[in-house]
Amino acid sequence: MPTPTVTGGAKSTLNGVVSFGPTNAWVVGRGRNGAALVEHWNGAAWSVVPVPTPAGAASSQLSGISARSPSDIWAVGSASVLVGTTVQGPYAGRALER
């Protein structure tokens, strides 16, 4: 499978991947815009999956992804609320469900 196109080029990062075979893979990270990034591979192309940004967050990122099955996927990350302050916790939002 080809490398996912991350939004923003050099300043985007991919931090985690989970794959269920040649037609179902997920990657998480941070886009150039400073927001959490999720992309999904369907066997033909990568697509960006919308991820909500926590209220009041200046930036966010997803640092890992894990799954027990294609319908039970979890991502974990952080959001910067104020300079020097980080809120962390698991995220299992509807945006990651397919």
Protein backbone atom coordinates (compact mmCIF):
# COMPACT_ATOMS: atom_id res chain seq x y z
CA MET A 1 0.00 0.00 0.00
CA PRO A 2 1.27 3.51 -0.71
CA THR A 3 2.23 5.92 2.04
CA PRO A 4 -0.69 8.08 3.22
CA THR A 5 -0.65 11.70 2.12
CA VAL A 6 -0.35 13.66 5.33
CA THR A 7 -1.77 17.15 5.35
CA GLY A 8 0.95 19.74 5.25
CA GLY A 9 4.05 17.82 4.24
CA ALA A 10 7.21 18.06 6.35
CA LYS A 11 5.57 19.26 9.58
CA SER A 12 2.97 16.49 9.64
CA THR A 13 3.76 13.34 11.61
CA LEU A 14 2.37 9.83 11.71
CA ASN A 15 2.67 8.25 15.14
CA GLY A 16 0.78 4.96 14.96
CA VAL A 17 -0.72 2.41 12.61
CA VAL A 18 -3.07 -0.55 12.87
CA SER A 19 -3.91 -2.85 9.97
CA PHE A 20 -6.54 -5.52 9.45
CA GLY A 21 -5.23 -6.60 6.07
CA PRO A 22 -4.79 -5.15 2.59
CA THR A 23 -8.12 -3.28 2.58
CA ASN A 24 -8.42 -1.83 6.08
CA ALA A 25 -5.67 0.18 7.81
CA TRP A 26 -5.62 3.24 10.04
CA VAL A 27 -2.86 5.76 10.86
CA VAL A 28 -2.87 8.52 13.47
CA GLY A 29 -0.69 11.56 14.09
CA ARG A 30 -0.68 15.32 13.80
CA GLY A 31 -1.29 17.47 10.71
CA ARG A 32 0.59 20.61 9.77
CA ASN A 33 -2.36 22.64 11.04
CA GLY A 34 -1.58 21.44 14.58
CA ALA A 35 -4.65 19.22 14.82
CA ALA A 36 -4.95 15.49 15.37
CA LEU A 37 -4.82 13.51 12.14
CA VAL A 38 -6.50 10.18 11.26
CA GLU A 39 -6.31 8.53 7.85
CA HIS A 40 -7.97 5.31 6.66
CA TRP A 41 -6.81 2.94 3.87
CA ASN A 42 -9.66 1.12 2.08
CA GLY A 43 -7.52 -0.94 -0.28
CA ALA A 44 -7.50 1.68 -3.03
CA ALA A 45 -6.83 5.06 -1.44
CA TRP A 46 -6.14 6.90 1.81
CA SER A 47 -8.81 9.26 3.15
CA VAL A 48 -8.65 11.78 5.97
CA VAL A 49 -11.15 11.04 8.74
CA PRO A 50 -12.48 14.06 10.68
CA VAL A 51 -11.36 14.19 14.33
CA PRO A 52 -12.98 16.56 16.83
CA THR A 53 -10.70 19.01 18.61
CA PRO A 54 -11.31 19.37 22.35
CA ALA A 55 -12.93 22.68 23.33
CA GLY A 56 -10.35 25.34 24.05
CA ALA A 57 -7.43 23.34 22.65
CA ALA A 58 -4.67 25.24 20.89
CA SER A 59 -3.40 22.04 19.27
CA SER A 60 -3.91 18.28 19.46
CA GLN A 61 -2.34 15.06 18.26
CA LEU A 62 -2.94 11.35 18.37
CA SER A 63 0.13 9.45 19.53
CA GLY A 64 -1.06 5.86 19.30
CA ILE A 65 -3.73 3.54 18.00
CA SER A 66 -4.75 0.04 19.03
CA ALA A 67 -7.54 -2.31 18.04
CA ARG A 68 -9.09 -5.59 19.10
CA SER A 69 -11.14 -5.78 15.91
CA PRO A 70 -12.18 -3.54 12.98
CA SER A 71 -15.14 -2.38 15.08
CA ASP A 72 -13.18 -1.81 18.32
CA ILE A 73 -10.47 0.77 17.58
CA TRP A 74 -8.95 3.12 20.16
CA ALA A 75 -6.65 6.10 19.70
CA VAL A 76 -4.83 8.00 22.44
CA GLY A 77 -3.41 11.49 22.27
CA SER A 78 -3.09 14.86 23.85
CA ALA A 79 -4.37 18.39 23.50
CA SER A 80 -2.52 21.55 24.44
CA VAL A 81 -4.95 23.84 26.23
CA LEU A 82 -2.53 26.52 27.45
CA VAL A 83 1.19 26.90 26.92
CA GLY A 84 2.79 24.23 29.07
CA THR A 85 -0.49 22.49 29.94
CA THR A 86 -1.42 19.13 28.43
CA VAL A 87 -4.59 17.09 28.82
CA GLN A 88 -4.24 13.40 28.01
CA GLY A 89 -6.65 10.52 27.76
CA PRO A 90 -8.12 7.87 25.51
CA TYR A 91 -10.27 8.89 22.57
CA ALA A 92 -12.80 6.52 21.11
CA GLY A 93 -15.01 8.92 19.24
CA ARG A 94 -17.49 8.33 16.49
CA ALA A 95 -15.05 9.77 13.95
CA LEU A 96 -12.92 6.61 14.21
CA GLU A 97 -15.86 4.26 13.75
CA ARG A 98 -16.52 2.87 10.30
